[in-house]
PDB file of N, CA and C in Angstrom:
ATOM      1  N   MET A   1       0.740  -1.330   0.076  1.00  0.00           N
ATOM      2  CA  MET A   1       0.265  -0.191   0.108  1.00  0.00           C
ATOM      3  C   MET A   1       1.112   1.279  -0.558  1.00  0.00           C
ATOM      4  N   GLY A   2       0.284   2.376  -0.769  1.00  0.00           N
ATOM      5  CA  GLY A   2       1.601   2.995  -0.805  1.00  0.00           C
ATOM      6  C   GLY A   2       0.897   4.248   0.057  1.00  0.00           C
ATOM      7  N   GLU A   3       1.942   5.334   0.618  1.00  0.00           N
ATOM      8  CA  GLU A   3       2.096   6.438   1.622  1.00  0.00           C
ATOM      9  C   GLU A   3       0.336   6.757   1.987  1.00  0.00           C
ATOM     10  N   SER A   4       0.342   7.331   0.426  1.00  0.00           N
ATOM     11  CA  SER A   4      -0.813   8.059   0.393  1.00  0.00           C
ATOM     12  C   SER A   4      -2.595   7.739  -0.082  1.00  0.00           C
ATOM     13  N   LYS A   5      -2.599   5.846  -0.323  1.00  0.00           N
ATOM     14  CA  LYS A   5      -4.087   5.562   0.414  1.00  0.00           C
ATOM     15  C   LYS A   5      -4.042   5.065   2.195  1.00  0.00           C
ATOM     16  N   ARG A   6      -2.184   5.166   2.773  1.00  0.00           N
ATOM     17  CA  ARG A   6      -2.018   5.770   4.513  1.00  0.00           C
ATOM     18  C   ARG A   6      -2.890   6.084   5.488  1.00  0.00           C
ATOM     19  N   ARG A   7      -2.503   7.537   3.732  1.00  0.00           N
ATOM     20  CA  ARG A   7      -2.308   8.828   4.213  1.00  0.00           C
ATOM     21  C   ARG A   7      -3.531   9.623   4.702  1.00  0.00           C
ATOM     22  N   LYS A   8      -4.990   9.292   2.833  1.00  0.00           N
ATOM     23  CA  LYS A   8      -6.273   8.693   3.440  1.00  0.00           C
ATOM     24  C   LYS A   8      -7.300   8.452   4.371  1.00  0.00           C
ATOM     25  N   GLU A   9      -6.600   6.593   4.435  1.00  0.00           N
ATOM     26  CA  GLU A   9      -7.358   6.657   5.800  1.00  0.00           C
ATOM     27  C   GLU A   9      -7.106   6.596   6.478  1.00  0.00           C
ATOM     28  N   SER A  10      -5.599   7.279   7.136  1.00  0.00           N
ATOM     29  CA  SER A  10      -5.711   7.609   8.506  1.00  0.00           C
ATOM     30  C   SER A  10      -6.617   8.586   8.814  1.00  0.00           C
ATOM     31  N   ILE A  11      -6.415   9.452   7.786  1.00  0.00           N
ATOM     32  CA  ILE A  11      -7.388  10.995   7.696  1.00  0.00           C
ATOM     33  C   ILE A  11      -8.494  10.991   7.862  1.00  0.00           C
ATOM     34  N   GLY A  12      -9.581  10.412   7.306  1.00  0.00           N
ATOM     35  CA  GLY A  12     -10.619  10.543   6.743  1.00  0.00           C
ATOM     36  C   GLY A  12     -10.964  10.798   5.839  1.00  0.00           C
ATOM     37  N   ASP A  13     -12.473  11.704   6.319  1.00  0.00           N
ATOM     38  CA  ASP A  13     -12.796  13.053   4.945  1.00  0.00           C
ATOM     39  C   ASP A  13     -12.138  14.030   4.677  1.00  0.00           C
ATOM     40  N   LYS A  14     -10.634  14.495   6.121  1.00  0.00           N
ATOM     41  CA  LYS A  14     -10.391  16.099   5.432  1.00  0.00           C
ATOM     42  C   LYS A  14      -9.247  15.766   4.581  1.00  0.00           C
ATOM     43  N   TYR A  15      -9.696  14.551   4.488  1.00  0.00           N
ATOM     44  CA  TYR A  15      -7.715  13.995   3.522  1.00  0.00           C
ATOM     45  C   TYR A  15      -8.198  15.051   2.127  1.00  0.00           C
ATOM     46  N   GLY A  16      -7.198  15.817   1.797  1.00  0.00           N
ATOM     47  CA  GLY A  16      -7.376  17.223  -0.116  1.00  0.00           C
ATOM     48  C   GLY A  16      -7.807  18.285   0.832  1.00  0.00           C
ATOM     49  N   GLN A  17      -8.160  18.663   2.298  1.00  0.00           N
ATOM     50  CA  GLN A  17      -8.642  19.428   2.034  1.00  0.00           C
ATOM     51  C   GLN A  17      -6.968  20.343   3.368  1.00  0.00           C
ATOM     52  N   GLU A  18      -6.973  21.698   2.637  1.00  0.00           N
ATOM     53  CA  GLU A  18      -5.861  22.306   3.869  1.00  0.00           C
ATOM     54  C   GLU A  18      -6.085  22.788   4.605  1.00  0.00           C
ATOM     55  N   GLU A  19      -4.927  22.883   5.779  1.00  0.00           N
ATOM     56  CA  GLU A  19      -4.998  22.308   6.962  1.00  0.00           C
ATOM     57  C   GLU A  19      -5.638  24.265   7.000  1.00  0.00           C
ATOM     58  N   ARG A  20      -6.562  24.378   8.788  1.00  0.00           N
ATOM     59  CA  ARG A  20      -7.010  25.505   9.431  1.00  0.00           C
ATOM     60  C   ARG A  20      -5.208  26.306   9.374  1.00  0.00           C
ATOM     61  N   ILE A  21      -5.786  27.298  10.811  1.00  0.00           N
ATOM     62  CA  ILE A  21      -4.256  28.218  10.950  1.00  0.00           C
ATOM     63  C   ILE A  21      -5.216  27.665  12.691  1.00  0.00           C
ATOM     64  N   LEU A  22      -6.103  27.778  13.261  1.00  0.00           N
ATOM     65  CA  LEU A  22      -6.818  27.808  14.568  1.00  0.00           C
ATOM     66  C   LEU A  22      -8.364  26.767  13.878  1.00  0.00           C
ATOM     67  N   SER A  23      -8.408  25.212  14.817  1.00  0.00           N
ATOM     68  CA  SER A  23      -9.616  24.470  14.190  1.00  0.00           C
ATOM     69  C   SER A  23     -11.010  25.121  14.932  1.00  0.00           C
ATOM     70  N   TRP A  24     -11.194  26.332  15.201  1.00  0.00           N
ATOM     71  CA  TRP A  24     -12.367  27.287  15.168  1.00  0.00           C
ATOM     72  C   TRP A  24     -11.607  28.555  13.855  1.00  0.00           C
ATOM     73  N   LEU A  25     -11.307  29.143  14.065  1.00  0.00           N
ATOM     74  CA  LEU A  25     -11.057  29.860  13.147  1.00  0.00           C
ATOM     75  C   LEU A  25     -11.441  29.345  11.728  1.00  0.00           C
ATOM     76  N   PRO A  26     -12.382  29.863  10.869  1.00  0.00           N
ATOM     77  CA  PRO A  26     -11.726  29.521   9.664  1.00  0.00           C
ATOM     78  C   PRO A  26     -11.118  29.910   7.611  1.00  0.00           C
ATOM     79  N   LEU A  27      -9.949  30.399   8.480  1.00  0.00           N
ATOM     80  CA  LEU A  27      -8.760  30.428   7.569  1.00  0.00           C
ATOM     81  C   LEU A  27      -8.273  29.212   7.030  1.00  0.00           C
ATOM     82  N   THR A  28      -7.374  29.732   6.168  1.00  0.00           N
ATOM     83  CA  THR A  28      -6.605  28.524   6.026  1.00  0.00           C
ATOM     84  C   THR A  28      -5.033  29.048   6.001  1.00  0.00           C
ATOM     85  N   LYS A  29      -3.791  27.646   5.904  1.00  0.00           N
ATOM     86  CA  LYS A  29      -3.113  28.872   5.770  1.00  0.00           C
ATOM     87  C   LYS A  29      -2.337  29.138   4.697  1.00  0.00           C
ATOM     88  N   THR A  30      -2.584  29.093   3.131  1.00  0.00           N
ATOM     89  CA  THR A  30      -2.885  29.483   2.025  1.00  0.00           C
ATOM     90  C   THR A  30      -3.568  31.269   2.307  1.00  0.00           C
ATOM     91  N   GLN A  31      -4.680  31.265   3.067  1.00  0.00           N
ATOM     92  CA  GLN A  31      -5.358  32.537   3.346  1.00  0.00           C
ATOM     93  C   GLN A  31      -4.686  33.276   4.258  1.00  0.00           C
ATOM     94  N   SER A  32      -3.997  32.710   4.643  1.00  0.00           N
ATOM     95  CA  SER A  32      -3.146  33.058   5.784  1.00  0.00           C
ATOM     96  C   SER A  32      -2.214  34.176   4.702  1.00  0.00           C
ATOM     97  N   GLU A  33      -1.534  33.166   4.283  1.00  0.00           N
ATOM     98  CA  GLU A  33      -0.172  33.201   2.996  1.00  0.00           C
ATOM     99  C   GLU A  33      -0.763  34.939   1.829  1.00  0.00           C
ATOM    100  N   ASP A  34      -1.720  34.654   2.051  1.00  0.00           N
ATOM    101  CA  ASP A  34      -2.592  35.685   1.241  1.00  0.00           C
ATOM    102  C   ASP A  34      -1.954  36.733   1.541  1.00  0.00           C
ATOM    103  N   PHE A  35      -2.989  36.621   2.854  1.00  0.00           N
ATOM    104  CA  PHE A  35      -3.572  38.425   3.331  1.00  0.00           C
ATOM    105  C   PHE A  35      -2.137  39.170   3.391  1.00  0.00           C
ATOM    106  N   VAL A  36      -1.534  38.311   3.952  1.00  0.00           N
ATOM    107  CA  VAL A  36       0.881  39.011   5.171  1.00  0.00           C
ATOM    108  C   VAL A  36       1.271  39.402   2.881  1.00  0.00           C
ATOM    109  N   ASN A  37       0.746  37.986   1.876  1.00  0.00           N
ATOM    110  CA  ASN A  37       1.010  39.439   0.619  1.00  0.00           C
ATOM    111  C   ASN A  37       0.859  40.541   0.130  1.00  0.00           C
ATOM    112  N   TRP A  38      -0.579  40.788  -0.349  1.00  0.00           N
ATOM    113  CA  TRP A  38      -1.710  41.964   0.762  1.00  0.00           C
ATOM    114  C   TRP A  38      -1.152  42.631   1.289  1.00  0.00           C
ATOM    115  N   THR A  39      -0.913  42.739   2.205  1.00  0.00           N
ATOM    116  CA  THR A  39      -1.242  43.592   3.008  1.00  0.00           C
ATOM    117  C   THR A  39       0.453  44.728   3.102  1.00  0.00           C
ATOM    118  N   THR A  40       1.494  43.875   2.962  1.00  0.00           N
ATOM    119  CA  THR A  40       2.544  43.726   2.941  1.00  0.00           C
ATOM    120  C   THR A  40       3.040  45.024   1.473  1.00  0.00           C
ATOM    121  N   ARG A  41       2.719  44.305   0.379  1.00  0.00           N
ATOM    122  CA  ARG A  41       2.096  44.293  -1.288  1.00  0.00           C
ATOM    123  C   ARG A  41       1.797  46.447  -0.922  1.00  0.00           C
ATOM    124  N   GLY A  42       1.013  46.472   0.050  1.00  0.00           N
ATOM    125  CA  GLY A  42      -0.190  47.601   0.181  1.00  0.00           C
ATOM    126  C   GLY A  42       0.463  48.652   1.071  1.00  0.00           C
ATOM    127  N   SER A  43       1.269  47.904   1.497  1.00  0.00           N
ATOM    128  CA  SER A  43       1.868  49.114   2.794  1.00  0.00           C
ATOM    129  C   SER A  43       4.250  50.220   1.817  1.00  0.00           C
ATOM    130  N   TRP A  44       3.793  48.824   0.993  1.00  0.00           N
ATOM    131  CA  TRP A  44       5.109  50.027  -0.130  1.00  0.00           C
ATOM    132  C   TRP A  44       4.519  50.878  -0.794  1.00  0.00           C
ATOM    133  N   ILE A  45       3.425  50.073  -1.243  1.00  0.00           N
ATOM    134  CA  ILE A  45       3.040  51.019  -2.319  1.00  0.00           C
ATOM    135  C   ILE A  45       2.215  52.594  -1.207  1.00  0.00           C
ATOM    136  N   GLY A  46       2.057  52.573   0.285  1.00  0.00           N
ATOM    137  CA  GLY A  46       1.742  54.021   0.128  1.00  0.00           C
ATOM    138  C   GLY A  46       2.549  54.609   0.985  1.00  0.00           C
ATOM    139  N   ILE A  47       4.201  53.370   1.416  1.00  0.00           N
ATOM    140  CA  ILE A  47       5.600  54.062   1.141  1.00  0.00           C
ATOM    141  C   ILE A  47       5.879  55.042   0.072  1.00  0.00           C
ATOM    142  N   SER A  48       5.977  54.027  -1.186  1.00  0.00           N
ATOM    143  CA  SER A  48       5.754  54.781  -2.568  1.00  0.00           C
ATOM    144  C   SER A  48       5.249  56.243  -2.272  1.00  0.00           C
ATOM    145  N   LEU A  49       4.180  56.641  -2.670  1.00  0.00           N
ATOM    146  CA  LEU A  49       2.894  57.415  -2.001  1.00  0.00           C
ATOM    147  C   LEU A  49       2.729  58.398  -1.302  1.00  0.00           C
ATOM    148  N   LEU A  50       3.496  58.606  -0.716  1.00  0.00           N
ATOM    149  CA  LEU A  50       3.846  59.276   0.595  1.00  0.00           C
ATOM    150  C   LEU A  50       5.758  59.591   0.692  1.00  0.00           C
ATOM    151  N   VAL A  51       6.469  58.891  -0.337  1.00  0.00           N
ATOM    152  CA  VAL A  51       7.393  59.844  -0.028  1.00  0.00           C
ATOM    153  C   VAL A  51       7.753  60.618  -2.113  1.00  0.00           C
ATOM    154  N   ALA A  52       6.422  59.882  -2.864  1.00  0.00           N
ATOM    155  CA  ALA A  52       6.352  61.075  -3.943  1.00  0.00           C
ATOM    156  C   ALA A  52       5.568  62.105  -3.796  1.00  0.00           C
ATOM    157  N   TRP A  53       4.708  61.933  -2.848  1.00  0.00           N
ATOM    158  CA  TRP A  53       4.425  63.409  -2.322  1.00  0.00           C
ATOM    159  C   TRP A  53       5.269  64.004  -0.973  1.00  0.00           C
ATOM    160  N   TRP A  54       5.893  63.709  -1.007  1.00  0.00           N
ATOM    161  CA  TRP A  54       6.935  64.645  -0.030  1.00  0.00           C
ATOM    162  C   TRP A  54       8.137  65.222  -0.834  1.00  0.00           C
ATOM    163  N   ILE A  55       7.964  64.036  -2.291  1.00  0.00           N
ATOM    164  CA  ILE A  55       9.483  65.355  -2.675  1.00  0.00           C
ATOM    165  C   ILE A  55       8.171  66.169  -3.724  1.00  0.00           C
ATOM    166  N   VAL A  56       7.798  65.739  -4.202  1.00  0.00           N
ATOM    167  CA  VAL A  56       6.383  67.264  -4.771  1.00  0.00           C
ATOM    168  C   VAL A  56       6.435  68.591  -3.796  1.00  0.00           C
ATOM    169  N   VAL A  57       6.114  67.710  -2.501  1.00  0.00           N
ATOM    170  CA  VAL A  57       6.050  69.926  -1.929  1.00  0.00           C
ATOM    171  C   VAL A  57       7.281  69.878  -0.932  1.00  0.00           C
ATOM    172  N   ARG A  58       8.266  69.448  -1.015  1.00  0.00           N
ATOM    173  CA  ARG A  58       9.150  69.669  -0.453  1.00  0.00           C
ATOM    174  C   ARG A  58      10.080  70.713  -1.857  1.00  0.00           C
ATOM    175  N   PHE A  59       9.970  69.734  -2.897  1.00  0.00           N
ATOM    176  CA  PHE A  59      11.511  70.313  -4.353  1.00  0.00           C
ATOM    177  C   PHE A  59      10.293  71.308  -4.950  1.00  0.00           C
ATOM    178  N   VAL A  60       9.942  70.377  -5.797  1.00  0.00           N
ATOM    179  CA  VAL A  60       8.685  70.925  -6.538  1.00  0.00           C
ATOM    180  C   VAL A  60       7.466  72.109  -6.154  1.00  0.00           C
ATOM    181  N   GLY A  61       6.960  72.243  -5.256  1.00  0.00           N
ATOM    182  CA  GLY A  61       5.805  73.063  -4.543  1.00  0.00           C
ATOM    183  C   GLY A  61       7.504  74.323  -4.502  1.00  0.00           C
ATOM    184  N   PRO A  62       7.750  74.736  -4.056  1.00  0.00           N
ATOM    185  CA  PRO A  62       8.884  75.761  -3.835  1.00  0.00           C
ATOM    186  C   PRO A  62       9.647  76.651  -5.362  1.00  0.00           C
ATOM    187  N   ALA A  63      10.121  75.594  -5.896  1.00  0.00           N
ATOM    188  CA  ALA A  63      10.418  76.136  -7.103  1.00  0.00           C
ATOM    189  C   ALA A  63       9.418  76.032  -8.292  1.00  0.00           C
ATOM    190  N   ALA A  64       7.904  75.693  -8.196  1.00  0.00           N
ATOM    191  CA  ALA A  64       7.212  76.364  -8.833  1.00  0.00           C
ATOM    192  C   ALA A  64       6.214  77.958  -8.060  1.00  0.00           C
ATOM    193  N   GLY A  65       6.805  77.551  -6.404  1.00  0.00           N
ATOM    194  CA  GLY A  65       5.764  78.689  -6.318  1.00  0.00           C
ATOM    195  C   GLY A  65       4.498  78.787  -5.744  1.00  0.00           C
ATOM    196  N   TRP A  66       4.661  77.517  -5.588  1.00  0.00           N
ATOM    197  CA  TRP A  66       3.186  77.453  -3.997  1.00  0.00           C
ATOM    198  C   TRP A  66       4.070  77.810  -3.363  1.00  0.00           C
ATOM    199  N   TRP A  67       3.345  77.673  -2.196  1.00  0.00           N
ATOM    200  CA  TRP A  67       3.484  77.176  -1.434  1.00  0.00           C
ATOM    201  C   TRP A  67       4.964  79.489  -0.587  1.00  0.00           C
ATOM    202  N   GLN A  68       4.037  80.150  -0.822  1.00  0.00           N
ATOM    203  CA  GLN A  68       5.574  80.929  -0.200  1.00  0.00           C
ATOM    204  C   GLN A  68       4.742  80.896   0.991  1.00  0.00           C
ATOM    205  N   VAL A  69       5.607  81.114   1.326  1.00  0.00           N
ATOM    206  CA  VAL A  69       5.417  82.203   3.259  1.00  0.00           C
ATOM    207  C   VAL A  69       5.776  84.002   3.148  1.00  0.00           C
ATOM    208  N   ASP A  70       4.996  84.975   3.040  1.00  0.00           N
ATOM    209  CA  ASP A  70       5.379  85.806   3.589  1.00  0.00           C
ATOM    210  C   ASP A  70       5.879  86.249   4.728  1.00  0.00           C
TER     211      ASP A  70
END
């Protein structure tokens, strides 16, 4: 008997289903990895936008005559 058949017999109905993070929480490990990837990507996008905005306010604005302080 092959290893997969033994595993299928020992696991039973849950064979082929992804493992959950916690038994009472309906999130799988793949879903949690996807969440981390999306939030990491979103964080980098936010940081990039903040840097771009800072460059505009700090350099482009004064050079264009915006935000003049008298």
